[in-house]
Amino acid sequence: MGVVILDGTTVRSFVNDELNFNNSINSRFDSLDLNNDGLLSRSELRKAFESLRLIETHFGADVITKPEQLTKLYDSIFEKFDCDHSGSVDREEFRSEMKKMMLGIADGLGSSPIQMVIDDDDQSFIKEAVDLEESKLHN
């Protein structure tokens, strides 16, 4: 576990580094595609967001959300990712929406640096952005 300092530039640089960003997206997509059909179903994408626990927690504290509210929320997230309304999310749709999310995080962070505690085994895109920036500093 370590403390890192980052700002919007860290995240934006990661997204703009197409090779690293696309490799990261492809890896994450493949890990979510449980049946290896090259598409994410509603349930596969929901499992991904459930694992992040972004909705069920508030500043690290559990909050109770009714199951039907969670289903509505996850369904709306799926609809946002399923740009062509095919009933599944392909790799390009996933990449496009994750890019928008990451750039939204970058915009939200702006140029004000923040400190963040990240586990060494964390698999998040934020950790990958920090690792990429750190590797560029050492080269």
Protein backbone atom coordinates (compact mmCIF):
# COMPACT_ATOMS: atom_id res chain seq x y z
CA MET A 1 0.00 0.00 0.00
CA GLY A 2 1.29 3.42 -0.84
CA VAL A 3 0.32 7.04 -1.00
CA VAL A 4 0.42 8.67 -4.42
CA ILE A 5 -0.12 12.22 -5.54
CA LEU A 6 -2.00 12.78 -8.75
CA ASP A 7 -4.05 15.33 -10.61
CA GLY A 8 -6.05 15.45 -13.81
CA THR A 9 -2.89 15.53 -15.90
CA THR A 10 -1.90 12.08 -14.61
CA VAL A 11 -5.21 10.58 -15.71
CA ARG A 12 -5.35 12.50 -19.00
CA SER A 13 -1.81 11.39 -19.91
CA PHE A 14 -2.80 7.77 -19.34
CA VAL A 15 -5.87 8.09 -21.58
CA ASN A 16 -3.87 9.89 -24.28
CA ASP A 17 -1.20 7.18 -24.30
CA GLU A 18 -3.18 5.03 -26.75
CA LEU A 19 -0.96 1.96 -26.54
CA ASN A 20 -1.04 1.68 -22.74
CA PHE A 21 -4.67 2.78 -22.43
CA ASN A 22 -5.87 0.33 -25.09
CA ASN A 23 -3.83 -2.52 -23.60
CA SER A 24 -5.35 -1.78 -20.22
CA ILE A 25 -8.88 -1.60 -21.65
CA ASN A 26 -8.39 -4.84 -23.59
CA SER A 27 -7.12 -6.63 -20.51
CA ARG A 28 -10.02 -5.40 -18.39
CA PHE A 29 -12.56 -6.25 -21.10
CA ASP A 30 -11.16 -9.78 -21.45
CA SER A 31 -11.35 -10.33 -17.68
CA LEU A 32 -14.99 -9.18 -17.65
CA ASP A 33 -16.02 -11.27 -20.65
CA LEU A 34 -16.67 -14.40 -18.60
CA ASN A 35 -18.02 -16.52 -21.45
CA ASN A 36 -15.35 -15.31 -23.92
CA ASP A 37 -17.85 -14.35 -26.62
CA GLY A 38 -16.23 -10.96 -27.29
CA LEU A 39 -19.19 -9.10 -25.80
CA LEU A 40 -20.22 -7.96 -22.34
CA SER A 41 -23.71 -8.93 -21.32
CA ARG A 42 -25.79 -6.92 -18.88
CA SER A 43 -24.84 -9.30 -16.06
CA GLU A 44 -21.12 -9.28 -16.91
CA LEU A 45 -20.99 -5.49 -16.87
CA ARG A 46 -23.04 -5.36 -13.68
CA LYS A 47 -20.59 -7.72 -11.94
CA ALA A 48 -17.77 -5.37 -12.92
CA PHE A 49 -19.46 -2.34 -11.40
CA GLU A 50 -20.59 -4.28 -8.34
CA SER A 51 -16.97 -5.29 -7.70
CA LEU A 52 -15.97 -1.63 -7.63
CA ARG A 53 -18.61 -0.97 -4.93
CA LEU A 54 -18.83 2.67 -5.98
CA ILE A 55 -22.58 2.75 -5.55
CA GLU A 56 -22.91 0.79 -2.33
CA THR A 57 -20.42 2.93 -0.42
CA HIS A 58 -20.13 6.58 0.43
CA PHE A 59 -16.64 7.74 1.36
CA GLY A 60 -15.78 4.16 2.31
CA ALA A 61 -18.84 3.61 4.52
CA ASP A 62 -21.51 1.16 3.45
CA VAL A 63 -24.89 2.61 2.56
CA ILE A 64 -28.10 0.69 2.13
CA THR A 65 -29.63 0.95 -1.31
CA LYS A 66 -32.78 -0.92 -2.23
CA PRO A 67 -32.13 -3.75 -4.72
CA GLU A 68 -34.62 -2.32 -7.22
CA GLN A 69 -32.81 1.05 -7.11
CA LEU A 70 -29.49 -0.68 -7.78
CA THR A 71 -31.01 -2.61 -10.67
CA LYS A 72 -32.33 0.62 -12.20
CA LEU A 73 -28.96 2.27 -11.79
CA TYR A 74 -27.01 -0.65 -13.25
CA ASP A 75 -29.47 -0.89 -16.13
CA SER A 76 -28.97 2.80 -16.92
CA ILE A 77 -25.19 2.33 -16.86
CA PHE A 78 -25.53 -0.61 -19.23
CA GLU A 79 -27.71 1.43 -21.59
CA LYS A 80 -25.05 4.16 -21.63
CA PHE A 81 -22.35 1.63 -22.55
CA ASP A 82 -24.52 -0.15 -25.13
CA CYS A 83 -24.30 2.70 -27.65
CA ASP A 84 -25.81 0.76 -30.56
CA HIS A 85 -28.60 -0.74 -28.38
CA SER A 86 -27.69 -4.27 -29.46
CA GLY A 87 -28.22 -5.75 -25.99
CA SER A 88 -24.49 -6.24 -25.40
CA VAL A 89 -21.36 -4.12 -25.11
CA ASP A 90 -18.56 -4.74 -27.56
CA ARG A 91 -14.92 -3.85 -26.98
CA GLU A 92 -15.12 -0.52 -28.83
CA GLU A 93 -18.21 0.60 -26.91
CA PHE A 94 -16.46 -0.33 -23.66
CA ARG A 95 -13.30 1.54 -24.66
CA SER A 96 -15.24 4.63 -25.71
CA GLU A 97 -17.28 4.86 -22.51
CA MET A 98 -14.29 4.13 -20.24
CA LYS A 99 -12.36 6.86 -22.04
CA LYS A 100 -15.20 9.31 -21.37
CA MET A 101 -15.30 8.25 -17.71
CA MET A 102 -11.55 8.63 -17.27
CA LEU A 103 -11.53 12.05 -18.96
CA GLY A 104 -14.41 13.06 -16.69
CA ILE A 105 -12.29 12.04 -13.69
CA ALA A 106 -9.38 14.05 -15.13
CA ASP A 107 -11.61 17.09 -15.55
CA GLY A 108 -12.94 16.68 -12.03
CA LEU A 109 -9.44 16.50 -10.57
CA GLY A 110 -8.24 19.47 -12.59
CA SER A 111 -4.79 20.72 -11.76
CA SER A 112 -5.15 20.45 -7.99
CA PRO A 113 -3.03 17.55 -6.76
CA ILE A 114 -4.64 15.07 -4.39
CA GLN A 115 -3.19 12.33 -2.23
CA MET A 116 -4.61 8.87 -2.63
CA VAL A 117 -3.89 5.59 -0.90
CA ILE A 118 -3.59 2.75 -3.40
CA ASP A 119 -2.92 -0.91 -2.67
CA ASP A 120 0.07 -2.36 -4.50
CA ASP A 121 -2.14 -5.07 -6.01
CA ASP A 122 -4.87 -2.60 -7.04
CA GLN A 123 -5.97 -3.22 -10.64
CA SER A 124 -7.69 0.14 -11.17
CA PHE A 125 -7.21 2.44 -14.12
CA ILE A 126 -6.15 5.17 -11.68
CA LYS A 127 -3.32 2.96 -10.39
CA GLU A 128 -2.30 2.23 -13.97
CA ALA A 129 -2.26 5.97 -14.71
CA VAL A 130 -0.04 6.62 -11.69
CA ASP A 131 2.27 3.70 -12.60
CA LEU A 132 2.61 5.01 -16.17
CA GLU A 133 3.49 8.50 -14.96
CA GLU A 134 6.01 7.06 -12.51
CA SER A 135 7.64 4.95 -15.23
CA LYS A 136 8.06 8.02 -17.42
CA LEU A 137 9.79 9.86 -14.57
CA HIS A 138 12.32 7.04 -14.19
CA ASN A 139 13.20 6.90 -17.89
